Amino acid sequence: MDDLDKKWDALVLKIEKKFEDEINLKAILYLIGVQELNMGIKRFGREEKVDILHVAVCKILTPFGFYKFDRVDEDGWPHWTELKALKNLDDAKQGLLMKEAIIKYLNN
């Protein structure tokens, strides 16, 4: 097990203890997205939940040069410009990048 895996497992364990439930990468992205939106406690529709995941992905991958923050719209939703296509990475590399980016985001 390499250093990234150890850090990831420790992070997941910490979040699971806080929420007293099992958690996965998608759930962590959702939490980051909700935090970035800063709209308080609110129920989100199915399409909004997909948008929340996108907010999280853009936010955490900005320091890696994949996105550049653009603006916040009139409804309070942030928007980014894609600089590098994430789809150019295979699934395994995307997964590792996401884990690394989440760890970096949550440690700042």
PDB file of N, CA and C in Angstrom:
ATOM      1  N   MET A   1       0.855  -1.192   0.000  1.00  0.00           N
ATOM      2  CA  MET A   1       0.000   0.000   0.000  1.00  0.00           C
ATOM      3  C   MET A   1       0.894   1.246   0.000  1.00  0.00           C
ATOM      4  N   ASP A   2       0.658   2.124  -0.944  1.00  0.00           N
ATOM      5  CA  ASP A   2       1.510   3.310  -1.013  1.00  0.00           C
ATOM      6  C   ASP A   2       0.983   4.444  -0.121  1.00  0.00           C
ATOM      7  N   ASP A   3       1.708   5.536  -0.109  1.00  0.00           N
ATOM      8  CA  ASP A   3       1.402   6.667   0.761  1.00  0.00           C
ATOM      9  C   ASP A   3       0.013   7.263   0.485  1.00  0.00           C
ATOM     10  N   LEU A   4      -0.346   7.373  -0.804  1.00  0.00           N
ATOM     11  CA  LEU A   4      -1.659   7.938  -1.161  1.00  0.00           C
ATOM     12  C   LEU A   4      -2.782   7.066  -0.597  1.00  0.00           C
ATOM     13  N   ASP A   5      -2.653   5.751  -0.744  1.00  0.00           N
ATOM     14  CA  ASP A   5      -3.676   4.839  -0.218  1.00  0.00           C
ATOM     15  C   ASP A   5      -3.818   4.976   1.302  1.00  0.00           C
ATOM     16  N   LYS A   6      -2.689   5.096   1.989  1.00  0.00           N
ATOM     17  CA  LYS A   6      -2.723   5.241   3.453  1.00  0.00           C
ATOM     18  C   LYS A   6      -3.424   6.540   3.846  1.00  0.00           C
ATOM     19  N   LYS A   7      -3.070   7.626   3.167  1.00  0.00           N
ATOM     20  CA  LYS A   7      -3.704   8.915   3.464  1.00  0.00           C
ATOM     21  C   LYS A   7      -5.194   8.875   3.156  1.00  0.00           C
ATOM     22  N   TRP A   8      -5.549   8.225   2.031  1.00  0.00           N
ATOM     23  CA  TRP A   8      -6.957   8.125   1.640  1.00  0.00           C
ATOM     24  C   TRP A   8      -7.746   7.324   2.675  1.00  0.00           C
ATOM     25  N   ASP A   9      -7.227   6.172   3.053  1.00  0.00           N
ATOM     26  CA  ASP A   9      -7.913   5.329   4.031  1.00  0.00           C
ATOM     27  C   ASP A   9      -8.098   6.056   5.367  1.00  0.00           C
ATOM     28  N   ALA A  10      -7.073   6.800   5.792  1.00  0.00           N
ATOM     29  CA  ALA A  10      -7.170   7.560   7.049  1.00  0.00           C
ATOM     30  C   ALA A  10      -8.233   8.653   6.933  1.00  0.00           C
ATOM     31  N   LEU A  11      -8.288   9.311   5.775  1.00  0.00           N
ATOM     32  CA  LEU A  11      -9.283  10.370   5.557  1.00  0.00           C
ATOM     33  C   LEU A  11     -10.702   9.803   5.572  1.00  0.00           C
ATOM     34  N   VAL A  12     -10.904   8.696   4.856  1.00  0.00           N
ATOM     35  CA  VAL A  12     -12.227   8.065   4.807  1.00  0.00           C
ATOM     36  C   VAL A  12     -12.658   7.644   6.211  1.00  0.00           C
ATOM     37  N   LEU A  13     -11.757   7.047   6.965  1.00  0.00           N
ATOM     38  CA  LEU A  13     -12.056   6.621   8.331  1.00  0.00           C
ATOM     39  C   LEU A  13     -12.473   7.818   9.196  1.00  0.00           C
ATOM     40  N   LYS A  14     -11.751   8.921   9.067  1.00  0.00           N
ATOM     41  CA  LYS A  14     -12.059  10.130   9.832  1.00  0.00           C
ATOM     42  C   LYS A  14     -13.460  10.656   9.492  1.00  0.00           C
ATOM     43  N   ILE A  15     -13.788  10.691   8.211  1.00  0.00           N
ATOM     44  CA  ILE A  15     -15.107  11.190   7.785  1.00  0.00           C
ATOM     45  C   ILE A  15     -16.202  10.219   8.218  1.00  0.00           C
ATOM     46  N   GLU A  16     -15.936   8.913   8.101  1.00  0.00           N
ATOM     47  CA  GLU A  16     -16.927   7.918   8.524  1.00  0.00           C
ATOM     48  C   GLU A  16     -17.226   8.036  10.017  1.00  0.00           C
ATOM     49  N   LYS A  17     -16.200   8.291  10.813  1.00  0.00           N
ATOM     50  CA  LYS A  17     -16.414   8.467  12.257  1.00  0.00           C
ATOM     51  C   LYS A  17     -17.279   9.691  12.522  1.00  0.00           C
ATOM     52  N   LYS A  18     -17.008  10.765  11.786  1.00  0.00           N
ATOM     53  CA  LYS A  18     -17.757  12.011  11.984  1.00  0.00           C
ATOM     54  C   LYS A  18     -19.239  11.830  11.632  1.00  0.00           C
ATOM     55  N   PHE A  19     -19.510  11.126  10.550  1.00  0.00           N
ATOM     56  CA  PHE A  19     -20.895  10.946  10.094  1.00  0.00           C
ATOM     57  C   PHE A  19     -21.526   9.647  10.574  1.00  0.00           C
ATOM     58  N   GLU A  20     -20.722   8.816  11.239  1.00  0.00           N
ATOM     59  CA  GLU A  20     -21.189   7.527  11.756  1.00  0.00           C
ATOM     60  C   GLU A  20     -21.859   6.692  10.667  1.00  0.00           C
ATOM     61  N   ASP A  21     -21.205   6.657   9.507  1.00  0.00           N
ATOM     62  CA  ASP A  21     -21.747   5.915   8.370  1.00  0.00           C
ATOM     63  C   ASP A  21     -20.610   5.638   7.391  1.00  0.00           C
ATOM     64  N   GLU A  22     -20.812   4.618   6.544  1.00  0.00           N
ATOM     65  CA  GLU A  22     -19.829   4.344   5.495  1.00  0.00           C
ATOM     66  C   GLU A  22     -19.889   5.449   4.459  1.00  0.00           C
ATOM     67  N   ILE A  23     -18.742   5.737   3.863  1.00  0.00           N
ATOM     68  CA  ILE A  23     -18.689   6.822   2.890  1.00  0.00           C
ATOM     69  C   ILE A  23     -17.764   6.418   1.745  1.00  0.00           C
ATOM     70  N   ASN A  24     -18.056   6.923   0.552  1.00  0.00           N
ATOM     71  CA  ASN A  24     -17.212   6.624  -0.603  1.00  0.00           C
ATOM     72  C   ASN A  24     -16.769   7.925  -1.276  1.00  0.00           C
ATOM     73  N   LEU A  25     -16.026   7.801  -2.347  1.00  0.00           N
ATOM     74  CA  LEU A  25     -15.479   8.964  -3.046  1.00  0.00           C
ATOM     75  C   LEU A  25     -16.581   9.916  -3.507  1.00  0.00           C
ATOM     76  N   LYS A  26     -17.636   9.371  -4.065  1.00  0.00           N
ATOM     77  CA  LYS A  26     -18.739  10.204  -4.561  1.00  0.00           C
ATOM     78  C   LYS A  26     -19.394  10.988  -3.420  1.00  0.00           C
ATOM     79  N   ALA A  27     -19.558  10.354  -2.285  1.00  0.00           N
ATOM     80  CA  ALA A  27     -20.158  11.024  -1.126  1.00  0.00           C
ATOM     81  C   ALA A  27     -19.253  12.147  -0.626  1.00  0.00           C
ATOM     82  N   ILE A  28     -17.948  11.915  -0.642  1.00  0.00           N
ATOM     83  CA  ILE A  28     -17.004  12.958  -0.217  1.00  0.00           C
ATOM     84  C   ILE A  28     -17.056  14.128  -1.191  1.00  0.00           C
ATOM     85  N   LEU A  29     -17.124  13.826  -2.489  1.00  0.00           N
ATOM     86  CA  LEU A  29     -17.255  14.894  -3.487  1.00  0.00           C
ATOM     87  C   LEU A  29     -18.536  15.697  -3.251  1.00  0.00           C
ATOM     88  N   TYR A  30     -19.619  14.993  -2.925  1.00  0.00           N
ATOM     89  CA  TYR A  30     -20.888  15.679  -2.655  1.00  0.00           C
ATOM     90  C   TYR A  30     -20.745  16.631  -1.468  1.00  0.00           C
ATOM     91  N   LEU A  31     -20.109  16.167  -0.404  1.00  0.00           N
ATOM     92  CA  LEU A  31     -19.903  17.020   0.776  1.00  0.00           C
ATOM     93  C   LEU A  31     -19.076  18.253   0.428  1.00  0.00           C
ATOM     94  N   ILE A  32     -18.038  18.074  -0.379  1.00  0.00           N
ATOM     95  CA  ILE A  32     -17.204  19.202  -0.800  1.00  0.00           C
ATOM     96  C   ILE A  32     -18.027  20.183  -1.630  1.00  0.00           C
ATOM     97  N   GLY A  33     -18.823  19.663  -2.553  1.00  0.00           N
ATOM     98  CA  GLY A  33     -19.669  20.513  -3.399  1.00  0.00           C
ATOM     99  C   GLY A  33     -20.656  21.333  -2.593  1.00  0.00           C
ATOM    100  N   VAL A  34     -21.301  20.688  -1.633  1.00  0.00           N
ATOM    101  CA  VAL A  34     -22.263  21.392  -0.769  1.00  0.00           C
ATOM    102  C   VAL A  34     -21.542  22.481   0.029  1.00  0.00           C
ATOM    103  N   GLN A  35     -20.367  22.146   0.532  1.00  0.00           N
ATOM    104  CA  GLN A  35     -19.574  23.121   1.286  1.00  0.00           C
ATOM    105  C   GLN A  35     -19.205  24.318   0.405  1.00  0.00           C
ATOM    106  N   GLU A  36     -18.800  24.051  -0.817  1.00  0.00           N
ATOM    107  CA  GLU A  36     -18.402  25.133  -1.732  1.00  0.00           C
ATOM    108  C   GLU A  36     -19.590  26.005  -2.123  1.00  0.00           C
ATOM    109  N   LEU A  37     -20.763  25.417  -2.233  1.00  0.00           N
ATOM    110  CA  LEU A  37     -21.955  26.197  -2.577  1.00  0.00           C
ATOM    111  C   LEU A  37     -22.341  27.155  -1.461  1.00  0.00           C
ATOM    112  N   ASN A  38     -22.136  26.716  -0.228  1.00  0.00           N
ATOM    113  CA  ASN A  38     -22.418  27.550   0.941  1.00  0.00           C
ATOM    114  C   ASN A  38     -23.844  28.105   0.924  1.00  0.00           C
ATOM    115  N   MET A  39     -24.800  27.232   0.635  1.00  0.00           N
ATOM    116  CA  MET A  39     -26.213  27.635   0.581  1.00  0.00           C
ATOM    117  C   MET A  39     -26.980  27.215   1.823  1.00  0.00           C
ATOM    118  N   GLY A  40     -26.278  26.697   2.808  1.00  0.00           N
ATOM    119  CA  GLY A  40     -26.938  26.260   4.023  1.00  0.00           C
ATOM    120  C   GLY A  40     -27.629  24.925   3.825  1.00  0.00           C
ATOM    121  N   ILE A  41     -28.464  24.569   4.780  1.00  0.00           N
ATOM    122  CA  ILE A  41     -29.174  23.293   4.730  1.00  0.00           C
ATOM    123  C   ILE A  41     -30.337  23.439   3.765  1.00  0.00           C
ATOM    124  N   LYS A  42     -30.363  22.571   2.781  1.00  0.00           N
ATOM    125  CA  LYS A  42     -31.353  22.673   1.713  1.00  0.00           C
ATOM    126  C   LYS A  42     -31.493  21.311   1.054  1.00  0.00           C
ATOM    127  N   ARG A  43     -32.661  21.014   0.551  1.00  0.00           N
ATOM    128  CA  ARG A  43     -32.856  19.786  -0.220  1.00  0.00           C
ATOM    129  C   ARG A  43     -32.536  20.099  -1.679  1.00  0.00           C
ATOM    130  N   PHE A  44     -31.740  19.218  -2.279  1.00  0.00           N
ATOM    131  CA  PHE A  44     -31.378  19.399  -3.678  1.00  0.00           C
ATOM    132  C   PHE A  44     -32.047  18.330  -4.527  1.00  0.00           C
ATOM    133  N   GLY A  45     -32.471  18.724  -5.723  1.00  0.00           N
ATOM    134  CA  GLY A  45     -33.053  17.785  -6.672  1.00  0.00           C
ATOM    135  C   GLY A  45     -31.967  16.936  -7.314  1.00  0.00           C
ATOM    136  N   ARG A  46     -32.394  15.935  -8.062  1.00  0.00           N
ATOM    137  CA  ARG A  46     -31.464  14.994  -8.707  1.00  0.00           C
ATOM    138  C   ARG A  46     -30.464  15.721  -9.603  1.00  0.00           C
ATOM    139  N   GLU A  47     -30.944  16.616 -10.441  1.00  0.00           N
ATOM    140  CA  GLU A  47     -30.053  17.343 -11.353  1.00  0.00           C
ATOM    141  C   GLU A  47     -29.094  18.256 -10.583  1.00  0.00           C
ATOM    142  N   GLU A  48     -29.592  18.873  -9.528  1.00  0.00           N
ATOM    143  CA  GLU A  48     -28.726  19.729  -8.701  1.00  0.00           C
ATOM    144  C   GLU A  48     -27.616  18.910  -8.041  1.00  0.00           C
ATOM    145  N   LYS A  49     -27.935  17.686  -7.640  1.00  0.00           N
ATOM    146  CA  LYS A  49     -26.927  16.824  -7.010  1.00  0.00           C
ATOM    147  C   LYS A  49     -25.788  16.512  -7.987  1.00  0.00           C
ATOM    148  N   VAL A  50     -26.133  16.299  -9.249  1.00  0.00           N
ATOM    149  CA  VAL A  50     -25.110  16.080 -10.278  1.00  0.00           C
ATOM    150  C   VAL A  50     -24.261  17.345 -10.421  1.00  0.00           C
ATOM    151  N   ASP A  51     -24.917  18.504 -10.410  1.00  0.00           N
ATOM    152  CA  ASP A  51     -24.206  19.785 -10.499  1.00  0.00           C
ATOM    153  C   ASP A  51     -23.290  19.993  -9.285  1.00  0.00           C
ATOM    154  N   ILE A  52     -23.734  19.557  -8.119  1.00  0.00           N
ATOM    155  CA  ILE A  52     -22.931  19.683  -6.895  1.00  0.00           C
ATOM    156  C   ILE A  52     -21.649  18.855  -7.024  1.00  0.00           C
ATOM    157  N   LEU A  53     -21.761  17.652  -7.584  1.00  0.00           N
ATOM    158  CA  LEU A  53     -20.572  16.825  -7.809  1.00  0.00           C
ATOM    159  C   LEU A  53     -19.620  17.528  -8.779  1.00  0.00           C
ATOM    160  N   HIS A  54     -20.186  18.169  -9.803  1.00  0.00           N
ATOM    161  CA  HIS A  54     -19.368  18.899 -10.776  1.00  0.00           C
ATOM    162  C   HIS A  54     -18.646  20.082 -10.113  1.00  0.00           C
ATOM    163  N   VAL A  55     -19.343  20.781  -9.233  1.00  0.00           N
ATOM    164  CA  VAL A  55     -18.729  21.891  -8.484  1.00  0.00           C
ATOM    165  C   VAL A  55     -17.517  21.373  -7.712  1.00  0.00           C
ATOM    166  N   ALA A  56     -17.696  20.253  -7.034  1.00  0.00           N
ATOM    167  CA  ALA A  56     -16.604  19.681  -6.237  1.00  0.00           C
ATOM    168  C   ALA A  56     -15.420  19.288  -7.118  1.00  0.00           C
ATOM    169  N   VAL A  57     -15.698  18.615  -8.213  1.00  0.00           N
ATOM    170  CA  VAL A  57     -14.623  18.173  -9.104  1.00  0.00           C
ATOM    171  C   VAL A  57     -13.850  19.378  -9.639  1.00  0.00           C
ATOM    172  N   CYS A  58     -14.571  20.391 -10.095  1.00  0.00           N
ATOM    173  CA  CYS A  58     -13.907  21.594 -10.610  1.00  0.00           C
ATOM    174  C   CYS A  58     -13.064  22.257  -9.525  1.00  0.00           C
ATOM    175  N   LYS A  59     -13.612  22.386  -8.342  1.00  0.00           N
ATOM    176  CA  LYS A  59     -12.911  23.050  -7.239  1.00  0.00           C
ATOM    177  C   LYS A  59     -11.624  22.314  -6.867  1.00  0.00           C
ATOM    178  N   ILE A  60     -11.719  21.004  -6.691  1.00  0.00           N
ATOM    179  CA  ILE A  60     -10.537  20.267  -6.234  1.00  0.00           C
ATOM    180  C   ILE A  60      -9.485  20.097  -7.325  1.00  0.00           C
ATOM    181  N   LEU A  61      -9.902  20.170  -8.597  1.00  0.00           N
ATOM    182  CA  LEU A  61      -8.938  19.985  -9.690  1.00  0.00           C
ATOM    183  C   LEU A  61      -8.382  21.295 -10.227  1.00  0.00           C
ATOM    184  N   THR A  62      -8.869  22.421  -9.721  1.00  0.00           N
ATOM    185  CA  THR A  62      -8.323  23.723 -10.134  1.00  0.00           C
ATOM    186  C   THR A  62      -6.825  23.833  -9.841  1.00  0.00           C
ATOM    187  N   PRO A  63      -6.355  23.459  -8.630  1.00  0.00           N
ATOM    188  CA  PRO A  63      -4.911  23.556  -8.363  1.00  0.00           C
ATOM    189  C   PRO A  63      -4.052  22.645  -9.256  1.00  0.00           C
ATOM    190  N   PHE A  64      -4.673  21.658  -9.886  1.00  0.00           N
ATOM    191  CA  PHE A  64      -3.955  20.729 -10.756  1.00  0.00           C
ATOM    192  C   PHE A  64      -3.991  21.172 -12.217  1.00  0.00           C
ATOM    193  N   GLY A  65      -4.596  22.331 -12.472  1.00  0.00           N
ATOM    194  CA  GLY A  65      -4.601  22.897 -13.816  1.00  0.00           C
ATOM    195  C   GLY A  65      -5.664  22.366 -14.758  1.00  0.00           C
ATOM    196  N   PHE A  66      -6.664  21.657 -14.227  1.00  0.00           N
ATOM    197  CA  PHE A  66      -7.724  21.140 -15.087  1.00  0.00           C
ATOM    198  C   PHE A  66      -8.834  22.165 -15.304  1.00  0.00           C
ATOM    199  N   TYR A  67      -9.053  23.030 -14.334  1.00  0.00           N
ATOM    200  CA  TYR A  67     -10.112  24.036 -14.417  1.00  0.00           C
ATOM    201  C   TYR A  67      -9.601  25.378 -13.913  1.00  0.00           C
ATOM    202  N   LYS A  68     -10.273  26.437 -14.364  1.00  0.00           N
ATOM    203  CA  LYS A  68      -9.987  27.784 -13.882  1.00  0.00           C
ATOM    204  C   LYS A  68     -11.324  28.389 -13.467  1.00  0.00           C
ATOM    205  N   PHE A  69     -11.376  28.956 -12.253  1.00  0.00           N
ATOM    206  CA  PHE A  69     -12.615  29.556 -11.776  1.00  0.00           C
ATOM    207  C   PHE A  69     -13.012  30.699 -12.696  1.00  0.00           C
ATOM    208  N   ASP A  70     -14.291  30.767 -13.022  1.00  0.00           N
ATOM    209  CA  ASP A  70     -14.790  31.783 -13.944  1.00  0.00           C
ATOM    210  C   ASP A  70     -15.645  32.822 -13.224  1.00  0.00           C
ATOM    211  N   ARG A  71     -16.761  32.368 -12.622  1.00  0.00           N
ATOM    212  CA  ARG A  71     -17.694  33.323 -12.007  1.00  0.00           C
ATOM    213  C   ARG A  71     -18.722  32.583 -11.148  1.00  0.00           C
ATOM    214  N   VAL A  72     -19.469  33.365 -10.386  1.00  0.00           N
ATOM    215  CA  VAL A  72     -20.629  32.853  -9.660  1.00  0.00           C
ATOM    216  C   VAL A  72     -21.854  33.453 -10.342  1.00  0.00           C
ATOM    217  N   ASP A  73     -22.815  32.621 -10.708  1.00  0.00           N
ATOM    218  CA  ASP A  73     -23.999  33.129 -11.409  1.00  0.00           C
ATOM    219  C   ASP A  73     -24.999  33.775 -10.442  1.00  0.00           C
ATOM    220  N   GLU A  74     -26.082  34.273 -11.001  1.00  0.00           N
ATOM    221  CA  GLU A  74     -27.083  35.000 -10.201  1.00  0.00           C
ATOM    222  C   GLU A  74     -27.783  34.121  -9.169  1.00  0.00           C
ATOM    223  N   ASP A  75     -27.722  32.809  -9.347  1.00  0.00           N
ATOM    224  CA  ASP A  75     -28.315  31.881  -8.377  1.00  0.00           C
ATOM    225  C   ASP A  75     -27.318  31.409  -7.323  1.00  0.00           C
ATOM    226  N   GLY A  76     -26.092  31.914  -7.395  1.00  0.00           N
ATOM    227  CA  GLY A  76     -25.079  31.559  -6.408  1.00  0.00           C
ATOM    228  C   GLY A  76     -24.241  30.325  -6.755  1.00  0.00           C
ATOM    229  N   TRP A  77     -24.374  29.834  -7.979  1.00  0.00           N
ATOM    230  CA  TRP A  77     -23.623  28.652  -8.395  1.00  0.00           C
ATOM    231  C   TRP A  77     -22.319  29.072  -9.065  1.00  0.00           C
ATOM    232  N   PRO A  78     -21.204  28.485  -8.622  1.00  0.00           N
ATOM    233  CA  PRO A  78     -19.914  28.806  -9.244  1.00  0.00           C
ATOM    234  C   PRO A  78     -19.754  28.098 -10.594  1.00  0.00           C
ATOM    235  N   HIS A  79     -18.967  28.714 -11.470  1.00  0.00           N
ATOM    236  CA  HIS A  79     -18.697  28.143 -12.796  1.00  0.00           C
ATOM    237  C   HIS A  79     -17.205  28.197 -13.063  1.00  0.00           C
ATOM    238  N   TRP A  80     -16.704  27.174 -13.742  1.00  0.00           N
ATOM    239  CA  TRP A  80     -15.297  27.074 -14.092  1.00  0.00           C
ATOM    240  C   TRP A  80     -15.168  26.890 -15.594  1.00  0.00           C
ATOM    241  N   THR A  81     -13.969  27.177 -16.098  1.00  0.00           N
ATOM    242  CA  THR A  81     -13.614  26.917 -17.491  1.00  0.00           C
ATOM    243  C   THR A  81     -12.669  25.720 -17.489  1.00  0.00           C
ATOM    244  N   GLU A  82     -12.941  24.757 -18.352  1.00  0.00           N
ATOM    245  CA  GLU A  82     -12.067  23.586 -18.448  1.00  0.00           C
ATOM    246  C   GLU A  82     -10.794  23.959 -19.204  1.00  0.00           C
ATOM    247  N   LEU A  83      -9.653  23.639 -18.620  1.00  0.00           N
ATOM    248  CA  LEU A  83      -8.363  23.928 -19.246  1.00  0.00           C
ATOM    249  C   LEU A  83      -7.733  22.672 -19.856  1.00  0.00           C
ATOM    250  N   LYS A  84      -7.910  21.541 -19.161  1.00  0.00           N
ATOM    251  CA  LYS A  84      -7.409  20.244 -19.642  1.00  0.00           C
ATOM    252  C   LYS A  84      -8.543  19.239 -19.511  1.00  0.00           C
ATOM    253  N   ALA A  85      -8.689  18.382 -20.501  1.00  0.00           N
ATOM    254  CA  ALA A  85      -9.776  17.395 -20.474  1.00  0.00           C
ATOM    255  C   ALA A  85      -9.448  16.244 -19.529  1.00  0.00           C
ATOM    256  N   LEU A  86     -10.287  16.062 -18.547  1.00  0.00           N
ATOM    257  CA  LEU A  86     -10.132  14.971 -17.589  1.00  0.00           C
ATOM    258  C   LEU A  86     -10.304  13.617 -18.276  1.00  0.00           C
ATOM    259  N   LYS A  87     -11.142  13.582 -19.320  1.00  0.00           N
ATOM    260  CA  LYS A  87     -11.412  12.325 -20.018  1.00  0.00           C
ATOM    261  C   LYS A  87     -10.181  11.764 -20.737  1.00  0.00           C
ATOM    262  N   ASN A  88      -9.119  12.587 -20.845  1.00  0.00           N
ATOM    263  CA  ASN A  88      -7.875  12.102 -21.449  1.00  0.00           C
ATOM    264  C   ASN A  88      -7.132  11.139 -20.527  1.00  0.00           C
ATOM    265  N   LEU A  89      -7.527  11.101 -19.255  1.00  0.00           N
ATOM    266  CA  LEU A  89      -6.930  10.161 -18.296  1.00  0.00           C
ATOM    267  C   LEU A  89      -7.799   8.915 -18.224  1.00  0.00           C
ATOM    268  N   ASP A  90      -7.164   7.756 -18.084  1.00  0.00           N
ATOM    269  CA  ASP A  90      -7.964   6.541 -17.919  1.00  0.00           C
ATOM    270  C   ASP A  90      -8.603   6.533 -16.526  1.00  0.00           C
ATOM    271  N   ASP A  91      -9.531   5.622 -16.315  1.00  0.00           N
ATOM    272  CA  ASP A  91     -10.293   5.578 -15.059  1.00  0.00           C
ATOM    273  C   ASP A  91      -9.400   5.451 -13.829  1.00  0.00           C
ATOM    274  N   ALA A  92      -8.377   4.622 -13.929  1.00  0.00           N
ATOM    275  CA  ALA A  92      -7.484   4.412 -12.778  1.00  0.00           C
ATOM    276  C   ALA A  92      -6.762   5.718 -12.430  1.00  0.00           C
ATOM    277  N   LYS A  93      -6.247   6.408 -13.437  1.00  0.00           N
ATOM    278  CA  LYS A  93      -5.542   7.672 -13.198  1.00  0.00           C
ATOM    279  C   LYS A  93      -6.498   8.740 -12.680  1.00  0.00           C
ATOM    280  N   GLN A  94      -7.726   8.752 -13.202  1.00  0.00           N
ATOM    281  CA  GLN A  94      -8.735   9.707 -12.700  1.00  0.00           C
ATOM    282  C   GLN A  94      -9.013   9.450 -11.225  1.00  0.00           C
ATOM    283  N   GLY A  95      -9.149   8.191 -10.856  1.00  0.00           N
ATOM    284  CA  GLY A  95      -9.415   7.835  -9.460  1.00  0.00           C
ATOM    285  C   GLY A  95      -8.294   8.283  -8.536  1.00  0.00           C
ATOM    286  N   LEU A  96      -7.060   8.037  -8.948  1.00  0.00           N
ATOM    287  CA  LEU A  96      -5.909   8.460  -8.143  1.00  0.00           C
ATOM    288  C   LEU A  96      -5.844   9.981  -8.035  1.00  0.00           C
ATOM    289  N   LEU A  97      -6.099  10.666  -9.149  1.00  0.00           N
ATOM    290  CA  LEU A  97      -6.086  12.129  -9.152  1.00  0.00           C
ATOM    291  C   LEU A  97      -7.154  12.677  -8.205  1.00  0.00           C
ATOM    292  N   MET A  98      -8.347  12.100  -8.256  1.00  0.00           N
ATOM    293  CA  MET A  98      -9.440  12.547  -7.380  1.00  0.00           C
ATOM    294  C   MET A  98      -9.061  12.382  -5.910  1.00  0.00           C
ATOM    295  N   LYS A  99      -8.518  11.225  -5.573  1.00  0.00           N
ATOM    296  CA  LYS A  99      -8.121  10.977  -4.184  1.00  0.00           C
ATOM    297  C   LYS A  99      -7.061  11.980  -3.739  1.00  0.00           C
ATOM    298  N   GLU A 100      -6.055  12.183  -4.588  1.00  0.00           N
ATOM    299  CA  GLU A 100      -4.985  13.124  -4.262  1.00  0.00           C
ATOM    300  C   GLU A 100      -5.544  14.543  -4.107  1.00  0.00           C
ATOM    301  N   ALA A 101      -6.434  14.926  -5.009  1.00  0.00           N
ATOM    302  CA  ALA A 101      -7.016  16.271  -4.976  1.00  0.00           C
ATOM    303  C   ALA A 101      -7.902  16.473  -3.742  1.00  0.00           C
ATOM    304  N   ILE A 102      -8.663  15.461  -3.368  1.00  0.00           N
ATOM    305  CA  ILE A 102      -9.525  15.549  -2.183  1.00  0.00           C
ATOM    306  C   ILE A 102      -8.663  15.690  -0.924  1.00  0.00           C
ATOM    307  N   ILE A 103      -7.620  14.879  -0.832  1.00  0.00           N
ATOM    308  CA  ILE A 103      -6.723  14.956   0.325  1.00  0.00           C
ATOM    309  C   ILE A 103      -6.128  16.350   0.424  1.00  0.00           C
ATOM    310  N   LYS A 104      -5.644  16.858  -0.705  1.00  0.00           N
ATOM    311  CA  LYS A 104      -5.043  18.209  -0.723  1.00  0.00           C
ATOM    312  C   LYS A 104      -6.073  19.264  -0.319  1.00  0.00           C
ATOM    313  N   TYR A 105      -7.281  19.173  -0.863  1.00  0.00           N
ATOM    314  CA  TYR A 105      -8.348  20.128  -0.556  1.00  0.00           C
ATOM    315  C   TYR A 105      -8.699  20.112   0.935  1.00  0.00           C
ATOM    316  N   LEU A 106      -8.884  18.937   1.488  1.00  0.00           N
ATOM    317  CA  LEU A 106      -9.319  18.817   2.877  1.00  0.00           C
ATOM    318  C   LEU A 106      -8.204  19.127   3.877  1.00  0.00           C
ATOM    319  N   ASN A 107      -6.962  19.082   3.424  1.00  0.00           N
ATOM    320  CA  ASN A 107      -5.849  19.420   4.316  1.00  0.00           C
ATOM    321  C   ASN A 107      -5.485  20.905   4.268  1.00  0.00           C
ATOM    322  N   ASN A 108      -6.174  21.656   3.415  1.00  0.00           N
ATOM    323  CA  ASN A 108      -5.916  23.112   3.348  1.00  0.00           C
ATOM    324  C   ASN A 108      -6.928  23.878   4.157  1.00  0.00           C
TER     325      ASN A 108
END
